[in-house]
C-alpha atoms as a PDB file:
ATOM      1  CA  MET A   1      29.732 105.889 280.969  1.00  0.00           C
ATOM      2  CA  LYS A   2      32.608 108.328 281.488  1.00  0.00           C
ATOM      3  CA  TYR A   3      33.807 108.006 285.064  1.00  0.00           C
ATOM      4  CA  ALA A   4      36.444 110.043 286.937  1.00  0.00           C
ATOM      5  CA  ILE A   5      37.891 109.222 290.345  1.00  0.00           C
ATOM      6  CA  VAL A   6      39.436 112.182 292.157  1.00  0.00           C
ATOM      7  CA  GLY A   7      42.197 110.897 294.402  1.00  0.00           C
ATOM      8  CA  ALA A   8      44.564 108.071 293.444  1.00  0.00           C
ATOM      9  CA  GLY A   9      45.322 106.945 296.978  1.00  0.00           C
ATOM     10  CA  ALA A  10      44.670 103.496 298.364  1.00  0.00           C
ATOM     11  CA  LEU A  11      40.929 103.279 297.734  1.00  0.00           C
ATOM     12  CA  GLY A  12      40.700 105.620 294.731  1.00  0.00           C
ATOM     13  CA  GLY A  13      43.601 103.810 293.092  1.00  0.00           C
ATOM     14  CA  THR A  14      41.940 100.479 293.807  1.00  0.00           C
ATOM     15  CA  PHE A  15      38.708 101.589 292.142  1.00  0.00           C
ATOM     16  CA  GLY A  16      40.578 102.792 289.070  1.00  0.00           C
ATOM     17  CA  ALA A  17      42.786  99.711 288.797  1.00  0.00           C
ATOM     18  CA  VAL A  18      40.063  97.121 289.400  1.00  0.00           C
ATOM     19  CA  MET A  19      37.571  98.773 287.046  1.00  0.00           C
ATOM     20  CA  THR A  20      40.227  99.044 284.320  1.00  0.00           C
ATOM     21  CA  LEU A  21      41.331  95.452 284.938  1.00  0.00           C
ATOM     22  CA  ASN A  22      37.713  94.358 284.443  1.00  0.00           C
ATOM     23  CA  GLY A  23      37.437  96.093 281.078  1.00  0.00           C
ATOM     24  CA  ALA A  24      36.198  99.617 281.772  1.00  0.00           C
ATOM     25  CA  GLU A  25      37.569 101.807 278.981  1.00  0.00           C
ATOM     26  CA  ASN A  26      36.642 105.313 280.074  1.00  0.00           C
ATOM     27  CA  VAL A  27      37.648 105.460 283.733  1.00  0.00           C
ATOM     28  CA  TRP A  28      40.104 108.169 284.776  1.00  0.00           C
ATOM     29  CA  LEU A  29      42.114 108.787 287.920  1.00  0.00           C
ATOM     30  CA  VAL A  30      42.710 112.454 288.755  1.00  0.00           C
ATOM     31  CA  GLU A  31      45.501 113.144 291.247  1.00  0.00           C
ATOM     32  CA  VAL A  32      47.254 116.312 292.460  1.00  0.00           C
ATOM     33  CA  ASP A  33      50.514 114.542 293.390  1.00  0.00           C
ATOM     34  CA  LYS A  34      52.512 115.084 290.174  1.00  0.00           C
ATOM     35  CA  PRO A  35      55.300 112.574 290.932  1.00  0.00           C
ATOM     36  CA  ARG A  36      52.674 109.885 291.545  1.00  0.00           C
ATOM     37  CA  VAL A  37      50.853 110.817 288.333  1.00  0.00           C
ATOM     38  CA  ASP A  38      54.095 110.634 286.345  1.00  0.00           C
ATOM     39  CA  LEU A  39      55.053 107.288 287.896  1.00  0.00           C
ATOM     40  CA  ILE A  40      51.651 105.699 287.277  1.00  0.00           C
ATOM     41  CA  LYS A  41      51.605 107.008 283.704  1.00  0.00           C
ATOM     42  CA  LYS A  42      54.973 105.351 283.139  1.00  0.00           C
ATOM     43  CA  GLU A  43      54.626 102.126 285.117  1.00  0.00           C
ATOM     44  CA  GLY A  44      50.913 101.671 285.881  1.00  0.00           C
ATOM     45  CA  ILE A  45      49.490 100.531 289.209  1.00  0.00           C
ATOM     46  CA  ASN A  46      50.765  97.308 290.734  1.00  0.00           C
ATOM     47  CA  ILE A  47      47.864  95.858 292.679  1.00  0.00           C
ATOM     48  CA  THR A  48      47.548  92.711 294.760  1.00  0.00           C
ATOM     49  CA  LEU A  49      43.971  91.440 294.843  1.00  0.00           C
ATOM     50  CA  PRO A  50      42.307  89.748 297.846  1.00  0.00           C
ATOM     51  CA  ASP A  51      42.969  86.313 296.296  1.00  0.00           C
ATOM     52  CA  GLY A  52      46.710  87.047 296.294  1.00  0.00           C
ATOM     53  CA  SER A  53      47.049  87.522 292.546  1.00  0.00           C
ATOM     54  CA  LYS A  54      49.256  90.392 291.377  1.00  0.00           C
ATOM     55  CA  HIS A  55      48.512  92.622 288.388  1.00  0.00           C
ATOM     56  CA  ASN A  56      50.086  95.567 286.653  1.00  0.00           C
ATOM     57  CA  VAL A  57      47.305  97.834 285.393  1.00  0.00           C
ATOM     58  CA  LYS A  58      47.826 100.659 282.921  1.00  0.00           C
ATOM     59  CA  VAL A  59      45.188 103.120 284.103  1.00  0.00           C
ATOM     60  CA  LYS A  60      44.230 106.474 282.637  1.00  0.00           C
ATOM     61  CA  ILE A  61      45.565 109.124 285.027  1.00  0.00           C
ATOM     62  CA  THR A  62      46.134 112.864 284.912  1.00  0.00           C
ATOM     63  CA  GLY A  63      46.734 115.840 287.127  1.00  0.00           C
ATOM     64  CA  ASP A  64      44.696 118.055 284.802  1.00  0.00           C
ATOM     65  CA  PRO A  65      40.900 117.624 284.896  1.00  0.00           C
ATOM     66  CA  GLU A  66      40.675 119.629 281.665  1.00  0.00           C
ATOM     67  CA  GLU A  67      42.266 116.617 279.957  1.00  0.00           C
ATOM     68  CA  VAL A  68      39.398 114.424 281.123  1.00  0.00           C
ATOM     69  CA  GLY A  69      36.529 116.733 280.181  1.00  0.00           C
ATOM     70  CA  ILE A  70      32.877 116.447 281.175  1.00  0.00           C
ATOM     71  CA  CYS A  71      32.000 113.159 282.900  1.00  0.00           C
ATOM     72  CA  ASP A  72      28.841 111.278 283.724  1.00  0.00           C
ATOM     73  CA  VAL A  73      30.134 110.602 287.240  1.00  0.00           C
ATOM     74  CA  VAL A  74      32.872 112.154 289.347  1.00  0.00           C
ATOM     75  CA  GLN A  75      33.765 110.021 292.363  1.00  0.00           C
ATOM     76  CA  ILE A  76      35.362 111.887 295.250  1.00  0.00           C
ATOM     77  CA  SER A  77      37.922 109.627 296.944  1.00  0.00           C
ATOM     78  CA  VAL A  78      39.977 112.025 299.056  1.00  0.00           C
ATOM     79  CA  LYS A  79      40.213 112.615 302.795  1.00  0.00           C
ATOM     80  CA  GLY A  80      37.321 114.630 304.192  1.00  0.00           C
ATOM     81  CA  PHE A  81      39.435 117.719 304.821  1.00  0.00           C
ATOM     82  CA  HIS A  82      40.180 117.850 301.075  1.00  0.00           C
ATOM     83  CA  THR A  83      36.563 117.478 299.893  1.00  0.00           C
ATOM     84  CA  GLU A  84      35.996 121.157 299.118  1.00  0.00           C
ATOM     85  CA  SER A  85      39.224 121.555 297.153  1.00  0.00           C
ATOM     86  CA  ALA A  86      38.586 118.254 295.322  1.00  0.00           C
ATOM     87  CA  VAL A  87      35.166 119.425 294.142  1.00  0.00           C
ATOM     88  CA  GLN A  88      36.567 122.792 293.062  1.00  0.00           C
ATOM     89  CA  MET A  89      39.348 121.027 291.175  1.00  0.00           C
ATOM     90  CA  SER A  90      36.723 118.850 289.469  1.00  0.00           C
ATOM     91  CA  LYS A  91      34.792 121.736 287.902  1.00  0.00           C
ATOM     92  CA  PRO A  92      36.150 121.112 284.358  1.00  0.00           C
ATOM     93  CA  MET A  93      34.707 117.574 284.617  1.00  0.00           C
ATOM     94  CA  ILE A  94      31.286 118.655 285.901  1.00  0.00           C
ATOM     95  CA  GLY A  95      28.557 119.397 283.385  1.00  0.00           C
ATOM     96  CA  PRO A  96      24.838 120.022 283.914  1.00  0.00           C
ATOM     97  CA  ASP A  97      24.144 116.270 284.056  1.00  0.00           C
ATOM     98  CA  THR A  98      27.201 115.137 286.029  1.00  0.00           C
ATOM     99  CA  TYR A  99      26.589 113.328 289.302  1.00  0.00           C
ATOM    100  CA  LEU A 100      29.109 113.459 292.156  1.00  0.00           C
ATOM    101  CA  LEU A 101      29.580 110.334 294.269  1.00  0.00           C
ATOM    102  CA  SER A 102      31.281 110.298 297.666  1.00  0.00           C
ATOM    103  CA  VAL A 103      32.587 107.012 299.043  1.00  0.00           C
ATOM    104  CA  GLN A 104      34.459 108.824 301.812  1.00  0.00           C
ATOM    105  CA  ASN A 105      34.535 108.176 305.531  1.00  0.00           C
ATOM    106  CA  GLY A 106      32.908 110.373 308.124  1.00  0.00           C
ATOM    107  CA  LEU A 107      30.390 113.197 308.141  1.00  0.00           C
ATOM    108  CA  GLY A 108      30.099 116.490 306.270  1.00  0.00           C
ATOM    109  CA  ASN A 109      31.287 115.426 302.818  1.00  0.00           C
ATOM    110  CA  LEU A 110      27.871 115.198 301.160  1.00  0.00           C
ATOM    111  CA  GLU A 111      26.847 118.598 302.481  1.00  0.00           C
ATOM    112  CA  ILE A 112      29.952 120.159 300.913  1.00  0.00           C
ATOM    113  CA  ILE A 113      29.381 118.433 297.567  1.00  0.00           C
ATOM    114  CA  SER A 114      25.704 119.389 297.430  1.00  0.00           C
ATOM    115  CA  LYS A 115      26.656 123.079 297.688  1.00  0.00           C
ATOM    116  CA  TYR A 116      28.120 122.757 294.191  1.00  0.00           C
ATOM    117  CA  VAL A 117      25.728 120.414 292.351  1.00  0.00           C
ATOM    118  CA  GLY A 118      22.625 120.350 294.546  1.00  0.00           C
ATOM    119  CA  PRO A 119      21.157 117.362 296.408  1.00  0.00           C
ATOM    120  CA  GLU A 120      19.637 116.016 293.189  1.00  0.00           C
ATOM    121  CA  ARG A 121      23.126 115.236 291.797  1.00  0.00           C
ATOM    122  CA  THR A 122      24.862 114.333 295.065  1.00  0.00           C
ATOM    123  CA  ILE A 123      25.217 110.613 295.743  1.00  0.00           C
ATOM    124  CA  GLY A 124      26.313 109.108 299.005  1.00  0.00           C
ATOM    125  CA  GLY A 125      28.212 105.842 298.852  1.00  0.00           C
ATOM    126  CA  VAL A 126      29.041 103.367 301.600  1.00  0.00           C
ATOM    127  CA  THR A 127      31.660 100.683 301.121  1.00  0.00           C
ATOM    128  CA  ALA A 128      33.390  98.074 303.251  1.00  0.00           C
ATOM    129  CA  HIS A 129      36.188  97.695 300.692  1.00  0.00           C
ATOM    130  CA  SER A 130      39.613  98.589 302.026  1.00  0.00           C
ATOM    131  CA  ALA A 131      43.109  98.856 300.634  1.00  0.00           C
ATOM    132  CA  GLN A 132      46.627  99.711 301.741  1.00  0.00           C
ATOM    133  CA  LEU A 133      49.026 101.936 299.810  1.00  0.00           C
ATOM    134  CA  LEU A 134      52.410 100.190 299.915  1.00  0.00           C
ATOM    135  CA  GLY A 135      54.159 102.683 297.630  1.00  0.00           C
ATOM    136  CA  PRO A 136      53.318 105.484 295.173  1.00  0.00           C
ATOM    137  CA  ASN A 137      51.963 102.948 292.671  1.00  0.00           C
ATOM    138  CA  GLU A 138      51.751  99.830 294.865  1.00  0.00           C
ATOM    139  CA  ILE A 139      48.394  98.818 296.379  1.00  0.00           C
ATOM    140  CA  ARG A 140      47.310  95.849 298.414  1.00  0.00           C
ATOM    141  CA  TYR A 141      43.558  95.538 297.940  1.00  0.00           C
ATOM    142  CA  VAL A 142      42.332  93.921 301.142  1.00  0.00           C
ATOM    143  CA  GLY A 143      38.741  93.487 300.015  1.00  0.00           C
ATOM    144  CA  GLY A 144      36.344  93.639 302.914  1.00  0.00           C
ATOM    145  CA  MET A 145      32.729  92.648 303.344  1.00  0.00           C
ATOM    146  CA  GLY A 146      32.287  93.258 299.637  1.00  0.00           C
ATOM    147  CA  TYR A 147      29.391  95.660 299.320  1.00  0.00           C
ATOM    148  CA  ILE A 148      28.736  99.182 298.101  1.00  0.00           C
ATOM    149  CA  TYR A 149      25.452 101.000 298.683  1.00  0.00           C
ATOM    150  CA  VAL A 150      24.630 104.217 296.864  1.00  0.00           C
ATOM    151  CA  GLY A 151      21.771 106.678 297.027  1.00  0.00           C
ATOM    152  CA  ARG A 152      20.925 110.307 296.442  1.00  0.00           C
ATOM    153  CA  ILE A 153      21.403 112.549 299.446  1.00  0.00           C
ATOM    154  CA  ASP A 154      17.754 113.610 299.147  1.00  0.00           C
ATOM    155  CA  ALA A 155      16.689 109.917 299.169  1.00  0.00           C
ATOM    156  CA  LYS A 156      14.750 110.231 295.889  1.00  0.00           C
ATOM    157  CA  GLU A 157      14.679 107.431 293.320  1.00  0.00           C
ATOM    158  CA  ASP A 158      16.709 108.134 290.192  1.00  0.00           C
ATOM    159  CA  PRO A 159      17.347 105.958 287.092  1.00  0.00           C
ATOM    160  CA  LYS A 160      20.858 107.370 286.799  1.00  0.00           C
ATOM    161  CA  VAL A 161      21.736 106.162 290.305  1.00  0.00           C
ATOM    162  CA  ASN A 162      20.590 102.702 289.192  1.00  0.00           C
ATOM    163  CA  ALA A 163      22.806 103.005 286.110  1.00  0.00           C
ATOM    164  CA  ILE A 164      25.808 103.972 288.247  1.00  0.00           C
ATOM    165  CA  ALA A 165      25.240 100.943 290.495  1.00  0.00           C
ATOM    166  CA  GLU A 166      25.053  98.696 287.429  1.00  0.00           C
ATOM    167  CA  PHE A 167      28.246 100.231 286.004  1.00  0.00           C
ATOM    168  CA  LEU A 168      30.201  99.663 289.226  1.00  0.00           C
ATOM    169  CA  THR A 169      28.881  96.111 289.497  1.00  0.00           C
ATOM    170  CA  LYS A 170      29.830  95.319 285.903  1.00  0.00           C
ATOM    171  CA  TYR A 171      33.403  96.446 286.430  1.00  0.00           C
ATOM    172  CA  GLY A 172      34.262  94.757 289.692  1.00  0.00           C
ATOM    173  CA  PHE A 173      32.379  96.305 292.614  1.00  0.00           C
ATOM    174  CA  LYS A 174      29.017  94.790 293.519  1.00  0.00           C
ATOM    175  CA  THR A 175      26.800  97.788 294.164  1.00  0.00           C
ATOM    176  CA  ASP A 176      23.184  98.154 295.211  1.00  0.00           C
ATOM    177  CA  VAL A 177      20.967 101.207 295.433  1.00  0.00           C
ATOM    178  CA  SER A 178      20.110 101.646 299.086  1.00  0.00           C
ATOM    179  CA  LYS A 179      16.490 100.867 299.926  1.00  0.00           C
ATOM    180  CA  GLU A 180      16.680 103.315 302.841  1.00  0.00           C
ATOM    181  CA  PRO A 181      17.952 106.913 302.968  1.00  0.00           C
ATOM    182  CA  ILE A 182      21.705 106.718 302.352  1.00  0.00           C
ATOM    183  CA  GLU A 183      22.266 108.609 305.599  1.00  0.00           C
ATOM    184  CA  ILE A 184      21.347 105.429 307.496  1.00  0.00           C
ATOM    185  CA  PRO A 185      24.041 103.110 306.052  1.00  0.00           C
ATOM    186  CA  ILE A 186      26.514 106.002 306.327  1.00  0.00           C
ATOM    187  CA  TRP A 187      25.839 106.150 310.061  1.00  0.00           C
ATOM    188  CA  ARG A 188      26.013 102.350 310.350  1.00  0.00           C
ATOM    189  CA  LYS A 189      29.509 102.398 308.873  1.00  0.00           C
ATOM    190  CA  LEU A 190      30.347 105.390 311.048  1.00  0.00           C
ATOM    191  CA  ILE A 191      29.835 103.232 314.154  1.00  0.00           C
ATOM    192  CA  ALA A 192      32.712 100.984 313.115  1.00  0.00           C
ATOM    193  CA  ASN A 193      34.949 103.830 311.974  1.00  0.00           C
ATOM    194  CA  VAL A 194      34.389 105.953 315.065  1.00  0.00           C
ATOM    195  CA  ALA A 195      34.630 103.079 317.531  1.00  0.00           C
ATOM    196  CA  CYS A 196      37.640 101.335 316.009  1.00  0.00           C
ATOM    197  CA  ASN A 197      39.829 103.452 313.713  1.00  0.00           C
ATOM    198  CA  ALA A 198      41.246 106.004 316.129  1.00  0.00           C
ATOM    199  CA  PHE A 199      41.676 103.440 318.906  1.00  0.00           C
ATOM    200  CA  LEU A 200      43.596 101.046 316.638  1.00  0.00           C
ATOM    201  CA  ALA A 201      45.668 103.960 315.345  1.00  0.00           C
ATOM    202  CA  VAL A 202      46.652 105.115 318.839  1.00  0.00           C
ATOM    203  CA  THR A 203      47.417 101.603 320.122  1.00  0.00           C
ATOM    204  CA  GLY A 204      48.964 100.308 316.890  1.00  0.00           C
ATOM    205  CA  MET A 205      46.784  97.206 317.120  1.00  0.00           C
ATOM    206  CA  THR A 206      45.497  95.126 314.237  1.00  0.00           C
ATOM    207  CA  GLY A 207      41.881  94.004 314.241  1.00  0.00           C
ATOM    208  CA  ASN A 208      42.720  90.504 315.491  1.00  0.00           C
ATOM    209  CA  GLU A 209      44.928  91.877 318.273  1.00  0.00           C
ATOM    210  CA  ALA A 210      42.157  94.164 319.528  1.00  0.00           C
ATOM    211  CA  LEU A 211      39.613  91.340 319.466  1.00  0.00           C
ATOM    212  CA  ALA A 212      41.955  89.204 321.567  1.00  0.00           C
ATOM    213  CA  CYS A 213      42.193  91.906 324.270  1.00  0.00           C
ATOM    214  CA  GLU A 214      39.310  92.404 326.717  1.00  0.00           C
ATOM    215  CA  ASP A 215      40.420  95.921 327.659  1.00  0.00           C
ATOM    216  CA  ALA A 216      40.486  96.916 323.986  1.00  0.00           C
ATOM    217  CA  LYS A 217      37.022  95.478 323.377  1.00  0.00           C
ATOM    218  CA  ASP A 218      35.630  97.283 326.426  1.00  0.00           C
ATOM    219  CA  PHE A 219      37.084 100.596 325.233  1.00  0.00           C
ATOM    220  CA  ILE A 220      35.711 100.142 321.701  1.00  0.00           C
ATOM    221  CA  LYS A 221      32.260  99.309 323.082  1.00  0.00           C
ATOM    222  CA  THR A 222      32.260 102.445 325.225  1.00  0.00           C
ATOM    223  CA  VAL A 223      33.191 104.667 322.277  1.00  0.00           C
ATOM    224  CA  ALA A 224      30.388 103.085 320.220  1.00  0.00           C
ATOM    225  CA  GLU A 225      27.877 103.592 323.041  1.00  0.00           C
ATOM    226  CA  GLU A 226      28.783 107.291 323.283  1.00  0.00           C
ATOM    227  CA  MET A 227      28.190 107.618 319.567  1.00  0.00           C
ATOM    228  CA  ALA A 228      24.830 105.839 319.847  1.00  0.00           C
ATOM    229  CA  LYS A 229      23.641 108.421 322.376  1.00  0.00           C
ATOM    230  CA  VAL A 230      24.461 111.164 319.873  1.00  0.00           C
ATOM    231  CA  ALA A 231      22.760 109.224 317.056  1.00  0.00           C
ATOM    232  CA  HIS A 232      19.586 108.795 319.128  1.00  0.00           C
ATOM    233  CA  ALA A 233      19.576 112.529 319.894  1.00  0.00           C
ATOM    234  CA  LYS A 234      19.833 113.160 316.157  1.00  0.00           C
ATOM    235  CA  GLY A 235      16.750 110.985 315.615  1.00  0.00           C
ATOM    236  CA  PHE A 236      18.298 107.705 314.444  1.00  0.00           C
ATOM    237  CA  THR A 237      16.566 104.703 315.972  1.00  0.00           C
ATOM    238  CA  PHE A 238      17.610 101.846 313.664  1.00  0.00           C
ATOM    239  CA  ASP A 239      18.511  98.501 315.219  1.00  0.00           C
ATOM    240  CA  VAL A 240      22.319  98.629 315.318  1.00  0.00           C
ATOM    241  CA  PHE A 241      22.176 101.546 317.749  1.00  0.00           C
ATOM    242  CA  ASN A 242      20.498  99.272 320.292  1.00  0.00           C
ATOM    243  CA  ASN A 243      23.739  97.283 320.617  1.00  0.00           C
ATOM    244  CA  PRO A 244      26.403  99.460 318.972  1.00  0.00           C
ATOM    245  CA  GLY A 245      29.363  97.898 320.779  1.00  0.00           C
ATOM    246  CA  GLU A 246      28.700  94.412 319.437  1.00  0.00           C
ATOM    247  CA  PHE A 247      28.107  95.838 315.963  1.00  0.00           C
ATOM    248  CA  ALA A 248      31.489  97.623 316.084  1.00  0.00           C
ATOM    249  CA  LEU A 249      33.285  94.454 317.187  1.00  0.00           C
ATOM    250  CA  LYS A 250      31.631  92.447 314.427  1.00  0.00           C
ATOM    251  CA  ALA A 251      32.802  95.016 311.884  1.00  0.00           C
ATOM    252  CA  LEU A 252      36.272  94.954 313.430  1.00  0.00           C
ATOM    253  CA  SER A 253      36.541  91.221 312.692  1.00  0.00           C
ATOM    254  CA  GLY A 254      36.783  92.150 308.996  1.00  0.00           C
ATOM    255  CA  VAL A 255      40.022  94.084 309.625  1.00  0.00           C
ATOM    256  CA  LYS A 256      41.846  90.856 310.601  1.00  0.00           C
ATOM    257  CA  ASP A 257      45.634  91.423 310.622  1.00  0.00           C
ATOM    258  CA  ASN A 258      45.474  94.608 308.568  1.00  0.00           C
ATOM    259  CA  LYS A 259      46.096  98.200 309.588  1.00  0.00           C
ATOM    260  CA  VAL A 260      43.172 100.635 309.566  1.00  0.00           C
ATOM    261  CA  SER A 261      43.510 103.748 307.413  1.00  0.00           C
ATOM    262  CA  THR A 262      44.028 106.087 310.378  1.00  0.00           C
ATOM    263  CA  LEU A 263      46.996 104.032 311.547  1.00  0.00           C
ATOM    264  CA  GLN A 264      48.392 104.007 308.001  1.00  0.00           C
ATOM    265  CA  ASP A 265      48.094 107.805 307.918  1.00  0.00           C
ATOM    266  CA  LEU A 266      49.843 108.298 311.266  1.00  0.00           C
ATOM    267  CA  GLU A 267      52.665 105.936 310.372  1.00  0.00           C
ATOM    268  CA  ALA A 268      53.171 107.777 307.086  1.00  0.00           C
ATOM    269  CA  GLY A 269      53.085 111.183 308.783  1.00  0.00           C
ATOM    270  CA  ARG A 270      49.877 112.195 307.015  1.00  0.00           C
ATOM    271  CA  LYS A 271      46.961 114.157 308.422  1.00  0.00           C
ATOM    272  CA  THR A 272      44.077 111.908 309.453  1.00  0.00           C
ATOM    273  CA  GLU A 273      40.298 112.187 309.097  1.00  0.00           C
ATOM    274  CA  ILE A 274      39.778 112.365 312.848  1.00  0.00           C
ATOM    275  CA  ASP A 275      37.729 115.596 312.587  1.00  0.00           C
ATOM    276  CA  ASN A 276      35.238 113.902 310.240  1.00  0.00           C
ATOM    277  CA  LEU A 277      34.972 110.856 312.513  1.00  0.00           C
ATOM    278  CA  ASN A 278      35.296 111.128 316.302  1.00  0.00           C
ATOM    279  CA  GLY A 279      35.581 114.909 316.041  1.00  0.00           C
ATOM    280  CA  ALA A 280      32.180 115.072 314.341  1.00  0.00           C
ATOM    281  CA  ILE A 281      30.652 113.030 317.173  1.00  0.00           C
ATOM    282  CA  VAL A 282      32.179 115.374 319.760  1.00  0.00           C
ATOM    283  CA  GLU A 283      30.738 118.434 317.974  1.00  0.00           C
ATOM    284  CA  LEU A 284      27.285 116.858 317.650  1.00  0.00           C
ATOM    285  CA  GLY A 285      27.484 115.863 321.307  1.00  0.00           C
ATOM    286  CA  LYS A 286      28.021 119.511 322.229  1.00  0.00           C
ATOM    287  CA  LYS A 287      25.045 120.481 320.084  1.00  0.00           C
ATOM    288  CA  PHE A 288      22.753 118.005 321.855  1.00  0.00           C
ATOM    289  CA  GLY A 289      24.237 118.417 325.347  1.00  0.00           C
ATOM    290  CA  ILE A 290      25.719 114.897 325.423  1.00  0.00           C
ATOM    291  CA  GLU A 291      29.090 114.186 327.042  1.00  0.00           C
ATOM    292  CA  THR A 292      31.521 112.294 324.782  1.00  0.00           C
ATOM    293  CA  PRO A 293      34.732 111.985 326.841  1.00  0.00           C
ATOM    294  CA  TYR A 294      36.038 108.819 325.175  1.00  0.00           C
ATOM    295  CA  ASN A 295      35.626 110.261 321.674  1.00  0.00           C
ATOM    296  CA  LEU A 296      37.208 113.536 322.801  1.00  0.00           C
ATOM    297  CA  ALA A 297      40.165 111.645 324.295  1.00  0.00           C
ATOM    298  CA  LEU A 298      40.740 109.833 320.993  1.00  0.00           C
ATOM    299  CA  VAL A 299      40.614 113.132 319.075  1.00  0.00           C
ATOM    300  CA  LYS A 300      43.187 114.655 321.429  1.00  0.00           C
ATOM    301  CA  MET A 301      45.482 111.618 321.207  1.00  0.00           C
ATOM    302  CA  VAL A 302      45.371 111.363 317.421  1.00  0.00           C
ATOM    303  CA  LYS A 303      45.971 115.100 317.023  1.00  0.00           C
ATOM    304  CA  SER A 304      48.869 114.869 319.475  1.00  0.00           C
ATOM    305  CA  ILE A 305      50.480 112.169 317.339  1.00  0.00           C
ATOM    306  CA  GLU A 306      49.911 114.338 314.251  1.00  0.00           C
ATOM    307  CA  ALA A 307      51.609 117.241 316.046  1.00  0.00           C
ATOM    308  CA  ARG A 308      54.506 115.008 317.098  1.00  0.00           C
ATOM    309  CA  ASN A 309      54.958 113.862 313.494  1.00  0.00           C
ATOM    310  CA  ALA A 310      54.972 117.469 312.281  1.00  0.00           C
ATOM    311  CA  MET A 311      57.553 118.526 314.902  1.00  0.00           C
ATOM    312  CA  ARG A 312      59.853 115.630 314.010  1.00  0.00           C
ATOM    313  CA  LYS A 313      59.510 116.400 310.310  1.00  0.00           C
ATOM    314  CA  ASN A 314      60.444 120.057 310.904  1.00  0.00           C
ATOM    315  CA  LYS A 315      63.614 118.976 312.727  1.00  0.00           C
ATOM    316  CA  GLN A 316      64.834 116.942 309.778  1.00  0.00           C
END
């Protein structure tokens, strides 16, 4: 199977490095950051695995999708606000039988992808794997709860989706085809991301620090409960929405002493995915006439920090 990963950041780079380390021979990273591409071509990716072992992995990487050619699978591993441009960039790798897989956070990504290849070749992916980019070619792979679920956006069974799950499992990432519409596990993960990521980013807390603070836990629970109201209005009635706060705190325990991706982005001066996370809940709340003041406050705070970072950068 010929497999391309668009985006060589923390998670995309981890997929490429781990799959290559486990013997995959036709996995490519595609990245727009030319200095990073040149560095990884020269020196490889230095990755620390969850067990503490360190590896230097010589991955296939390019900034030119023409070099890769038509693939069986193109995995989109960029921030949500780059999804459209990532798919457009991927066109030289997309043939009539190419499937596109999103393992991104938040809402809206699958709808964008399906505009280009249709729902029959659009695969949603949900993962609890996490990683931290320590340098242009330095990754600390944190691990996580260790699962990936995949499924077509239209929820239909497909032998190729099974083959993709088997391929990912063979080369380092245990993957199952979701037995329920992939939208459901996407929303389950969204509870944790919406309730925890922006809050930890604004406060600078690690997972363990937040769990040791009653005020933090109360805030996280309230954000999750707001989201559950929106989810119920959208028609989701699965069990975790009956006690979303406890579900979010349980998921938060997996963060431990690590920094969530939104905090990593703010500290590095990068734009965050807040619009695809809490921002999406705010917009759906407006649609259904549901107040979401805690989610709106987090959006405003994160965007204020982004604006502060931009102003400081412009003064340099």
